[in-house]
C-alpha atoms as a PDB file:
ATOM      1  CA  MET A   1     140.802 100.650  82.549  1.00  0.00           C
ATOM      2  CA  SER A   2     141.636 104.433  83.561  1.00  0.00           C
ATOM      3  CA  GLN A   3     144.320 105.583  85.961  1.00  0.00           C
ATOM      4  CA  VAL A   4     143.334 108.704  87.973  1.00  0.00           C
ATOM      5  CA  GLU A   5     146.363 109.350  90.098  1.00  0.00           C
ATOM      6  CA  PRO A   6     149.198 107.654  90.871  1.00  0.00           C
ATOM      7  CA  HIS A   7     149.137 104.093  92.168  1.00  0.00           C
ATOM      8  CA  THR A   8     144.644 104.491  91.878  1.00  0.00           C
ATOM      9  CA  ILE A   9     143.318 102.595  89.134  1.00  0.00           C
ATOM     10  CA  ILE A  10     139.699 102.002  88.284  1.00  0.00           C
ATOM     11  CA  LYS A  11     138.750  98.997  86.018  1.00  0.00           C
ATOM     12  CA  GLU A  12     135.785  99.374  83.861  1.00  0.00           C
ATOM     13  CA  GLU A  13     134.095  95.597  84.111  1.00  0.00           C
ATOM     14  CA  ILE A  14     133.377  93.162  87.041  1.00  0.00           C
ATOM     15  CA  THR A  15     134.184  89.581  85.894  1.00  0.00           C
ATOM     16  CA  LYS A  16     133.801  86.423  87.535  1.00  0.00           C
ATOM     17  CA  ALA A  17     137.601  86.464  88.513  1.00  0.00           C
ATOM     18  CA  ASP A  18     136.448  89.620  90.675  1.00  0.00           C
ATOM     19  CA  HIS A  19     133.616  88.166  92.669  1.00  0.00           C
ATOM     20  CA  ALA A  20     135.650  86.838  95.648  1.00  0.00           C
ATOM     21  CA  SER A  21     137.401  90.154  96.083  1.00  0.00           C
ATOM     22  CA  VAL A  22     134.204  92.186  95.520  1.00  0.00           C
ATOM     23  CA  ARG A  23     132.178  89.950  98.443  1.00  0.00           C
ATOM     24  CA  ASP A  24     135.023  90.689 100.764  1.00  0.00           C
ATOM     25  CA  LEU A  25     134.501  94.630 100.411  1.00  0.00           C
ATOM     26  CA  LEU A  26     131.039  93.973 100.547  1.00  0.00           C
ATOM     27  CA  SER A  27     131.490  91.817 103.701  1.00  0.00           C
ATOM     28  CA  ILE A  28     133.395  94.647 105.014  1.00  0.00           C
ATOM     29  CA  CYS A  29     131.403  97.500 104.666  1.00  0.00           C
ATOM     30  CA  GLU A  30     128.253  95.369 105.643  1.00  0.00           C
ATOM     31  CA  GLN A  31     130.066  94.495 109.300  1.00  0.00           C
ATOM     32  CA  HIS A  32     130.476  98.085 109.350  1.00  0.00           C
ATOM     33  CA  ASP A  33     127.567  99.694 108.816  1.00  0.00           C
ATOM     34  CA  GLY A  34     125.067  97.225 110.240  1.00  0.00           C
ATOM     35  CA  GLN A  35     123.007  96.644 106.667  1.00  0.00           C
ATOM     36  CA  GLY A  36     124.388  95.514 102.971  1.00  0.00           C
ATOM     37  CA  ILE A  37     123.832  96.392  99.589  1.00  0.00           C
ATOM     38  CA  PRO A  38     121.076  94.180  97.438  1.00  0.00           C
ATOM     39  CA  ILE A  39     123.377  92.659  95.169  1.00  0.00           C
ATOM     40  CA  ASN A  40     123.740  89.147  93.733  1.00  0.00           C
ATOM     41  CA  LEU A  41     127.007  89.376  91.700  1.00  0.00           C
ATOM     42  CA  GLU A  42     125.601  86.204  89.630  1.00  0.00           C
ATOM     43  CA  THR A  43     123.075  88.156  88.029  1.00  0.00           C
ATOM     44  CA  LEU A  44     125.295  90.806  86.969  1.00  0.00           C
ATOM     45  CA  ASN A  45     125.176  91.294  83.003  1.00  0.00           C
ATOM     46  CA  ASP A  46     128.386  90.026  81.558  1.00  0.00           C
ATOM     47  CA  GLY A  47     131.232  92.259  80.231  1.00  0.00           C
ATOM     48  CA  PRO A  48     132.150  95.865  80.350  1.00  0.00           C
ATOM     49  CA  GLY A  49     129.595  98.001  81.567  1.00  0.00           C
ATOM     50  CA  ASN A  50     128.331  95.875  84.710  1.00  0.00           C
ATOM     51  CA  GLY A  51     130.313  98.223  87.223  1.00  0.00           C
ATOM     52  CA  LEU A  52     133.484  99.696  88.424  1.00  0.00           C
ATOM     53  CA  LEU A  53     136.045  99.071  90.548  1.00  0.00           C
ATOM     54  CA  TYR A  54     138.483 101.097  92.120  1.00  0.00           C
ATOM     55  CA  TYR A  55     142.271 100.160  93.090  1.00  0.00           C
ATOM     56  CA  ARG A  56     144.521 101.718  95.359  1.00  0.00           C
ATOM     57  CA  ASP A  57     147.587 100.669  95.717  1.00  0.00           C
ATOM     58  CA  ALA A  58     146.123  97.158  94.055  1.00  0.00           C
ATOM     59  CA  VAL A  59     143.593  96.869  97.104  1.00  0.00           C
ATOM     60  CA  LEU A  60     139.996  96.843  96.186  1.00  0.00           C
ATOM     61  CA  VAL A  61     138.749  99.697  98.011  1.00  0.00           C
ATOM     62  CA  GLY A  62     135.429 101.051  96.096  1.00  0.00           C
ATOM     63  CA  VAL A  63     132.900  99.409  93.868  1.00  0.00           C
ATOM     64  CA  ALA A  64     130.060 100.940  91.832  1.00  0.00           C
ATOM     65  CA  PHE A  65     127.080  98.486  90.381  1.00  0.00           C
ATOM     66  CA  ILE A  66     125.460  99.556  86.771  1.00  0.00           C
ATOM     67  CA  PHE A  67     122.158  98.480  86.027  1.00  0.00           C
ATOM     68  CA  SER A  68     121.667  99.663  82.433  1.00  0.00           C
ATOM     69  CA  MET A  69     118.608 100.238  80.412  1.00  0.00           C
ATOM     70  CA  ASP A  70     117.863 103.638  78.612  1.00  0.00           C
ATOM     71  CA  THR A  71     118.914 105.562  82.242  1.00  0.00           C
ATOM     72  CA  ILE A  72     121.994 103.547  84.202  1.00  0.00           C
ATOM     73  CA  GLU A  73     121.028 103.146  87.796  1.00  0.00           C
ATOM     74  CA  THR A  74     123.916 102.631  90.105  1.00  0.00           C
ATOM     75  CA  ILE A  75     124.292 101.935  93.712  1.00  0.00           C
ATOM     76  CA  GLY A  76     128.101 101.108  95.195  1.00  0.00           C
ATOM     77  CA  SER A  77     130.078 100.987  98.607  1.00  0.00           C
ATOM     78  CA  VAL A  78     133.576 102.342  99.737  1.00  0.00           C
ATOM     79  CA  HIS A  79     135.771 100.663 102.323  1.00  0.00           C
ATOM     80  CA  PRO A  80     135.287 102.379 105.401  1.00  0.00           C
ATOM     81  CA  SER A  81     138.934 103.170 105.899  1.00  0.00           C
ATOM     82  CA  TYR A  82     139.229 104.844 102.586  1.00  0.00           C
ATOM     83  CA  ARG A  83     135.949 107.158 103.234  1.00  0.00           C
ATOM     84  CA  ARG A  84     136.088 110.630 102.700  1.00  0.00           C
ATOM     85  CA  GLN A  85     138.986 110.808 100.341  1.00  0.00           C
ATOM     86  CA  GLY A  86     137.248 111.739  97.130  1.00  0.00           C
ATOM     87  CA  ILE A  87     136.583 107.743  95.924  1.00  0.00           C
ATOM     88  CA  GLY A  88     132.817 107.912  95.578  1.00  0.00           C
ATOM     89  CA  SER A  89     133.449 111.500  93.736  1.00  0.00           C
ATOM     90  CA  GLU A  90     136.065 109.719  90.988  1.00  0.00           C
ATOM     91  CA  LEU A  91     133.389 106.463  90.522  1.00  0.00           C
ATOM     92  CA  LEU A  92     130.772 109.191  89.977  1.00  0.00           C
ATOM     93  CA  LYS A  93     132.974 111.059  87.556  1.00  0.00           C
ATOM     94  CA  ALA A  94     133.646 107.534  86.041  1.00  0.00           C
ATOM     95  CA  LEU A  95     129.807 106.721  85.638  1.00  0.00           C
ATOM     96  CA  LYS A  96     129.060 110.358  84.369  1.00  0.00           C
ATOM     97  CA  ALA A  97     131.431 109.216  81.641  1.00  0.00           C
ATOM     98  CA  TYR A  98     130.292 105.951  80.506  1.00  0.00           C
ATOM     99  CA  SER A  99     126.793 107.194  80.859  1.00  0.00           C
ATOM    100  CA  GLN A 100     127.456 109.796  78.209  1.00  0.00           C
ATOM    101  CA  SER A 101     129.825 107.666  75.897  1.00  0.00           C
ATOM    102  CA  GLN A 102     126.730 105.131  75.967  1.00  0.00           C
ATOM    103  CA  ASN A 103     124.101 107.985  75.256  1.00  0.00           C
ATOM    104  CA  LYS A 104     122.009 107.175  78.283  1.00  0.00           C
ATOM    105  CA  GLN A 105     119.382 109.789  78.710  1.00  0.00           C
ATOM    106  CA  GLY A 106     120.496 109.840  82.663  1.00  0.00           C
ATOM    107  CA  LEU A 107     122.347 108.179  85.637  1.00  0.00           C
ATOM    108  CA  THR A 108     119.945 107.401  88.975  1.00  0.00           C
ATOM    109  CA  LEU A 109     121.846 106.826  92.217  1.00  0.00           C
ATOM    110  CA  MET A 110     120.259 103.809  94.651  1.00  0.00           C
ATOM    111  CA  CYS A 111     120.653 104.713  98.438  1.00  0.00           C
ATOM    112  CA  SER A 112     119.597 102.995 101.876  1.00  0.00           C
ATOM    113  CA  ASN A 113     117.849 105.464 104.131  1.00  0.00           C
ATOM    114  CA  ALA A 114     119.768 103.245 107.070  1.00  0.00           C
ATOM    115  CA  LEU A 115     122.713 104.533 105.337  1.00  0.00           C
ATOM    116  CA  PRO A 116     122.954 108.535 105.653  1.00  0.00           C
ATOM    117  CA  GLY A 117     126.064 108.576 104.009  1.00  0.00           C
ATOM    118  CA  GLY A 118     124.308 107.728 100.288  1.00  0.00           C
ATOM    119  CA  GLU A 119     121.736 110.623 100.828  1.00  0.00           C
ATOM    120  CA  GLU A 120     124.232 112.649 101.709  1.00  0.00           C
ATOM    121  CA  PHE A 121     126.409 112.277  98.443  1.00  0.00           C
ATOM    122  CA  ALA A 122     123.310 112.371  96.224  1.00  0.00           C
ATOM    123  CA  ARG A 123     122.572 115.763  97.767  1.00  0.00           C
ATOM    124  CA  HIS A 124     126.139 117.008  97.679  1.00  0.00           C
ATOM    125  CA  PHE A 125     126.038 116.392  93.511  1.00  0.00           C
ATOM    126  CA  ASP A 126     122.925 118.260  93.594  1.00  0.00           C
ATOM    127  CA  ALA A 127     120.623 114.682  92.940  1.00  0.00           C
ATOM    128  CA  GLU A 128     117.080 115.384  92.168  1.00  0.00           C
ATOM    129  CA  TYR A 129     114.843 112.973  94.564  1.00  0.00           C
ATOM    130  CA  CYS A 130     112.411 110.668  92.050  1.00  0.00           C
ATOM    131  CA  PHE A 131     110.923 107.927  94.391  1.00  0.00           C
ATOM    132  CA  SER A 132     111.489 105.277  97.423  1.00  0.00           C
ATOM    133  CA  GLU A 133     110.781 101.715  97.423  1.00  0.00           C
ATOM    134  CA  TYR A 134     110.398  99.705 100.157  1.00  0.00           C
ATOM    135  CA  HIS A 135     112.329  96.223 100.444  1.00  0.00           C
ATOM    136  CA  MET A 136     109.712  93.506 101.935  1.00  0.00           C
ATOM    137  CA  GLU A 137     110.841  90.495 103.286  1.00  0.00           C
ATOM    138  CA  LEU A 138     108.112  87.345 103.841  1.00  0.00           C
ATOM    139  CA  GLN A 139     106.967  86.790 107.345  1.00  0.00           C
ATOM    140  CA  LEU A 140     106.345  82.891 108.048  1.00  0.00           C
ATOM    141  CA  PRO A 141     103.733  81.353 108.952  1.00  0.00           C
ATOM    142  CA  LEU A 142     101.928  82.519 105.873  1.00  0.00           C
ATOM    143  CA  ASN A 143      98.620  84.098 106.381  1.00  0.00           C
ATOM    144  CA  GLY A 144      96.826  81.660 104.826  1.00  0.00           C
ATOM    145  CA  GLN A 145      95.251  80.630 101.099  1.00  0.00           C
ATOM    146  CA  PRO A 146      93.231  83.681  99.196  1.00  0.00           C
ATOM    147  CA  THR A 147      89.914  83.326 100.054  1.00  0.00           C
ATOM    148  CA  THR A 148      89.059  82.668  96.106  1.00  0.00           C
ATOM    149  CA  LYS A 149      90.664  80.457  93.583  1.00  0.00           C
ATOM    150  CA  ASP A 150      90.148  79.913  90.085  1.00  0.00           C
ATOM    151  CA  ASN A 151      91.819  76.521  89.355  1.00  0.00           C
ATOM    152  CA  ALA A 152      92.464  77.887  85.338  1.00  0.00           C
ATOM    153  CA  LEU A 153      95.192  80.545  87.277  1.00  0.00           C
ATOM    154  CA  SER A 154      98.771  78.621  86.603  1.00  0.00           C
ATOM    155  CA  LEU A 155     102.609  79.391  85.863  1.00  0.00           C
ATOM    156  CA  ARG A 156     104.578  78.313  83.293  1.00  0.00           C
ATOM    157  CA  GLN A 157     108.475  79.198  83.076  1.00  0.00           C
ATOM    158  CA  ALA A 158     109.430  80.577  79.886  1.00  0.00           C
ATOM    159  CA  GLU A 159     112.392  79.902  77.696  1.00  0.00           C
ATOM    160  CA  PRO A 160     115.324  81.774  76.631  1.00  0.00           C
ATOM    161  CA  SER A 161     113.465  81.602  73.262  1.00  0.00           C
ATOM    162  CA  GLU A 162     110.269  83.248  74.653  1.00  0.00           C
ATOM    163  CA  ALA A 163     112.248  86.735  75.832  1.00  0.00           C
ATOM    164  CA  SER A 164     110.422  88.990  73.299  1.00  0.00           C
ATOM    165  CA  LEU A 165     107.449  87.648  74.552  1.00  0.00           C
ATOM    166  CA  VAL A 166     108.143  88.493  77.889  1.00  0.00           C
ATOM    167  CA  THR A 167     109.105  91.870  77.150  1.00  0.00           C
ATOM    168  CA  ASP A 168     105.825  92.171  75.041  1.00  0.00           C
ATOM    169  CA  ILE A 169     103.568  91.232  78.708  1.00  0.00           C
ATOM    170  CA  SER A 170     105.880  93.216  80.561  1.00  0.00           C
ATOM    171  CA  ALA A 171     105.420  96.413  78.548  1.00  0.00           C
ATOM    172  CA  GLN A 172     101.558  95.999  78.588  1.00  0.00           C
ATOM    173  CA  ALA A 173     101.608  94.810  82.070  1.00  0.00           C
ATOM    174  CA  PHE A 174     103.567  97.797  83.453  1.00  0.00           C
ATOM    175  CA  GLY A 175     102.598 100.607  80.999  1.00  0.00           C
ATOM    176  CA  ASP A 176     106.253 100.910  80.101  1.00  0.00           C
ATOM    177  CA  ASP A 177     107.983 101.218  76.336  1.00  0.00           C
ATOM    178  CA  PRO A 178     109.434  97.658  75.463  1.00  0.00           C
ATOM    179  CA  ASN A 179     112.317  99.142  74.431  1.00  0.00           C
ATOM    180  CA  ASP A 180     113.682 100.698  77.827  1.00  0.00           C
ATOM    181  CA  PHE A 181     113.839  96.564  79.138  1.00  0.00           C
ATOM    182  CA  GLY A 182     113.671  94.559  76.497  1.00  0.00           C
ATOM    183  CA  PRO A 183     118.104  93.864  76.275  1.00  0.00           C
ATOM    184  CA  TRP A 184     117.933  93.749  80.522  1.00  0.00           C
ATOM    185  CA  ILE A 185     115.227  90.768  79.811  1.00  0.00           C
ATOM    186  CA  GLN A 186     117.261  88.927  76.778  1.00  0.00           C
ATOM    187  CA  GLN A 187     120.675  88.905  79.150  1.00  0.00           C
ATOM    188  CA  ALA A 188     118.410  88.562  82.278  1.00  0.00           C
ATOM    189  CA  ILE A 189     116.599  85.266  81.230  1.00  0.00           C
ATOM    190  CA  LEU A 190     119.897  83.221  80.187  1.00  0.00           C
ATOM    191  CA  LYS A 191     121.159  83.621  83.881  1.00  0.00           C
ATOM    192  CA  PRO A 192     121.000  80.114  85.904  1.00  0.00           C
ATOM    193  CA  GLY A 193     119.679  81.899  88.611  1.00  0.00           C
ATOM    194  CA  ARG A 194     116.747  83.714  87.299  1.00  0.00           C
ATOM    195  CA  ARG A 195     113.509  82.191  85.988  1.00  0.00           C
ATOM    196  CA  PHE A 196     110.350  84.354  84.229  1.00  0.00           C
ATOM    197  CA  PHE A 197     107.071  82.723  84.056  1.00  0.00           C
ATOM    198  CA  PHE A 198     104.411  83.259  82.209  1.00  0.00           C
ATOM    199  CA  VAL A 199     100.772  83.701  84.301  1.00  0.00           C
ATOM    200  CA  ARG A 200      98.411  81.796  82.293  1.00  0.00           C
ATOM    201  CA  HIS A 201      94.120  81.793  82.771  1.00  0.00           C
ATOM    202  CA  HIS A 202      93.242  79.202  81.116  1.00  0.00           C
ATOM    203  CA  ASP A 203      95.230  79.175  77.503  1.00  0.00           C
ATOM    204  CA  ASN A 204      95.691  82.583  77.923  1.00  0.00           C
ATOM    205  CA  ILE A 205      98.852  84.492  79.084  1.00  0.00           C
ATOM    206  CA  ILE A 206      97.694  87.649  81.611  1.00  0.00           C
ATOM    207  CA  GLY A 207     101.045  88.236  83.378  1.00  0.00           C
ATOM    208  CA  VAL A 208     104.306  87.808  84.439  1.00  0.00           C
ATOM    209  CA  ILE A 209     106.147  87.001  87.642  1.00  0.00           C
ATOM    210  CA  SER A 210     110.099  86.461  88.371  1.00  0.00           C
ATOM    211  CA  ALA A 211     112.369  84.903  90.918  1.00  0.00           C
ATOM    212  CA  VAL A 212     115.682  85.695  90.809  1.00  0.00           C
ATOM    213  CA  GLN A 213     118.322  83.815  93.556  1.00  0.00           C
ATOM    214  CA  GLU A 214     120.046  86.091  95.714  1.00  0.00           C
ATOM    215  CA  ASP A 215     122.078  83.869  97.739  1.00  0.00           C
ATOM    216  CA  GLU A 216     122.183  80.414  99.113  1.00  0.00           C
ATOM    217  CA  GLN A 217     118.966  81.045 101.015  1.00  0.00           C
ATOM    218  CA  SER A 218     117.142  84.004  99.547  1.00  0.00           C
ATOM    219  CA  ALA A 219     115.469  84.570  96.547  1.00  0.00           C
ATOM    220  CA  ASP A 220     113.400  87.934  95.150  1.00  0.00           C
ATOM    221  CA  ILE A 221     109.961  88.311  93.773  1.00  0.00           C
ATOM    222  CA  THR A 222     110.342  90.677  90.611  1.00  0.00           C
ATOM    223  CA  THR A 223     108.752  91.551  87.355  1.00  0.00           C
ATOM    224  CA  PHE A 224     105.591  91.219  88.568  1.00  0.00           C
ATOM    225  CA  GLY A 225     102.454  92.241  86.439  1.00  0.00           C
ATOM    226  CA  ILE A 226      98.926  91.202  85.464  1.00  0.00           C
ATOM    227  CA  LEU A 227      97.569  93.001  82.173  1.00  0.00           C
ATOM    228  CA  PRO A 228      95.008  95.757  82.891  1.00  0.00           C
ATOM    229  CA  ALA A 229      91.973  93.820  81.745  1.00  0.00           C
ATOM    230  CA  TYR A 230      92.543  90.867  84.263  1.00  0.00           C
ATOM    231  CA  ARG A 231      92.927  92.752  87.490  1.00  0.00           C
ATOM    232  CA  LYS A 232      90.624  93.379  90.405  1.00  0.00           C
ATOM    233  CA  ARG A 233      89.735  89.476  89.875  1.00  0.00           C
ATOM    234  CA  GLY A 234      92.021  88.078  92.965  1.00  0.00           C
ATOM    235  CA  TYR A 235      94.581  86.629  90.516  1.00  0.00           C
ATOM    236  CA  GLY A 236      97.334  89.109  91.895  1.00  0.00           C
ATOM    237  CA  ARG A 237      96.950  87.451  95.198  1.00  0.00           C
ATOM    238  CA  GLN A 238      96.730  83.844  94.213  1.00  0.00           C
ATOM    239  CA  VAL A 239      99.472  84.132  91.732  1.00  0.00           C
ATOM    240  CA  LEU A 240     102.131  85.629  94.082  1.00  0.00           C
ATOM    241  CA  THR A 241     100.880  82.992  97.019  1.00  0.00           C
ATOM    242  CA  HIS A 242     101.338  80.256  94.385  1.00  0.00           C
ATOM    243  CA  MET A 243     104.999  81.609  93.846  1.00  0.00           C
ATOM    244  CA  VAL A 244     105.681  82.170  97.648  1.00  0.00           C
ATOM    245  CA  GLU A 245     104.598  78.540  98.204  1.00  0.00           C
ATOM    246  CA  MET A 246     106.884  77.222  95.203  1.00  0.00           C
ATOM    247  CA  LEU A 247     109.831  78.870  96.741  1.00  0.00           C
ATOM    248  CA  LEU A 248     109.182  77.364 100.218  1.00  0.00           C
ATOM    249  CA  ALA A 249     108.725  74.059  98.600  1.00  0.00           C
ATOM    250  CA  GLU A 250     111.917  74.599  97.011  1.00  0.00           C
ATOM    251  CA  GLY A 251     113.691  75.363 100.055  1.00  0.00           C
ATOM    252  CA  TRP A 252     114.217  78.892  99.961  1.00  0.00           C
ATOM    253  CA  GLN A 253     114.421  80.381 103.542  1.00  0.00           C
ATOM    254  CA  LYS A 254     114.306  84.207 102.792  1.00  0.00           C
ATOM    255  CA  ILE A 255     111.794  85.422 100.468  1.00  0.00           C
ATOM    256  CA  ALA A 256     111.514  89.136  99.177  1.00  0.00           C
ATOM    257  CA  LEU A 257     110.201  91.527  97.103  1.00  0.00           C
ATOM    258  CA  ASP A 258     110.276  95.859  96.316  1.00  0.00           C
ATOM    259  CA  VAL A 259     107.741  97.859  95.906  1.00  0.00           C
ATOM    260  CA  GLU A 260     107.311 101.569  95.622  1.00  0.00           C
ATOM    261  CA  THR A 261     106.142 103.471  98.598  1.00  0.00           C
ATOM    262  CA  GLU A 262     103.437 105.070  96.541  1.00  0.00           C
ATOM    263  CA  ASN A 263     101.776 102.074  95.236  1.00  0.00           C
ATOM    264  CA  SER A 264      99.245 101.643  97.961  1.00  0.00           C
ATOM    265  CA  ASN A 265      97.447  98.743  95.725  1.00  0.00           C
ATOM    266  CA  ALA A 266     100.471  96.674  95.272  1.00  0.00           C
ATOM    267  CA  LEU A 267     101.873  97.486  99.044  1.00  0.00           C
ATOM    268  CA  THR A 268      98.302  96.521  99.863  1.00  0.00           C
ATOM    269  CA  LEU A 269      98.450  92.975  98.414  1.00  0.00           C
ATOM    270  CA  TYR A 270     101.741  92.071  99.360  1.00  0.00           C
ATOM    271  CA  GLN A 271     100.817  92.626 102.948  1.00  0.00           C
ATOM    272  CA  SER A 272      98.178  90.670 102.674  1.00  0.00           C
ATOM    273  CA  CYS A 273     100.538  87.745 101.535  1.00  0.00           C
ATOM    274  CA  GLY A 274     102.707  87.529 104.553  1.00  0.00           C
ATOM    275  CA  PHE A 275     105.322  90.768 103.322  1.00  0.00           C
ATOM    276  CA  GLN A 276     106.532  93.208 105.684  1.00  0.00           C
ATOM    277  CA  GLN A 277     109.103  96.376 105.449  1.00  0.00           C
ATOM    278  CA  ALA A 278     112.364  95.682 106.257  1.00  0.00           C
ATOM    279  CA  ARG A 279     114.157  98.724 104.378  1.00  0.00           C
ATOM    280  CA  VAL A 280     113.656 101.532 102.046  1.00  0.00           C
ATOM    281  CA  TYR A 281     115.591 102.813  99.132  1.00  0.00           C
ATOM    282  CA  SER A 282     115.538 106.360  97.466  1.00  0.00           C
ATOM    283  CA  TYR A 283     116.403 106.758  93.994  1.00  0.00           C
ATOM    284  CA  HIS A 284     118.345 110.165  93.218  1.00  0.00           C
ATOM    285  CA  ASN A 285     118.471 111.589  89.303  1.00  0.00           C
ATOM    286  CA  ILE A 286     122.369 112.986  88.756  1.00  0.00           C
ATOM    287  CA  PRO A 287     123.128 115.828  86.324  1.00  0.00           C
ATOM    288  CA  LEU A 288     124.876 114.511  83.312  1.00  0.00           C
END
C-alpha cells in the first residue's frame, strides 16, 4: 500500500473483501459511460499483483486490473466525478513501477473503442497500438448443426492436475511459448467459474477450449484452439457448436467470445456459429 498525497492511498491488491466496493464503482462507471468493462472479479488471481485500488479520503474512486504473464495487461476505470484529476496517471505510474519490480517485458493497456477516453489516455502516454479484438455475442436461435459431423469428436473436462497438459496443447495450438501463459493456466484451472476441456478425436487430444462464468447469466468461451494437423476438417465448427449447446443446456442466457479483428478465419467460423460483433477493444503498449 502506498500513499500518493495526503488523503490518497493506492492499495496494491484486490481481495475478496474489496469486491463489493469494486462492483459499486464499476456499476457507477457503467451507468455514466453506457458500457462496462469486461471483468469477472471471481476469476482474478488471488494475492498481490492482481490489481490496484485508488482511494481518496477512504473512498474507492479508481481501479486497475492486472493480468500478468510475461507482459502485464491492464484495464481500469475512474469514478466519473474524479476524472481528469490525475488518478489515471497515478495508477499508470504505479503499474509501471510494479511491472519493473517484477521484471516484466512490457505493459499493455486495453481500451474499449466505444469509450474515447481510453484511447486518448493511451495516446497521451505515447502508447503504441498493437491490435484490436471483437467481442462477439451469440445470437439466438442457432443457425443449425454443422453440415458434417464426426461422432469420434468429444470434450472432456480437464482436471487441475492436468494443467501442464492444457498448457502444452494450448502452446501447440496457438504457436506460443508455454512459459508465457503456463502460470496463468495453473491458477485459472483452480477457479470455480473456469473450466478447461480437451478436444478429443477417438483417443487423441487434438485441441482445447475453455468456458468461464462472467456473471450469473453470462459465460465466455476462451482458449479455443485445434492442433495444426487437425485443422480444415470441420472440427472447429463442430466443437464450438457442441460447446454452445452445452452452455445453453446449463442455462447460460448470454454466451460470448473474443477474436482478433485480423483473424479472418476465426471470425468467419464464429459468425457461422451465430456470433455477431458487439464491441471492439484495442490494445496499446505503454513504454516502461
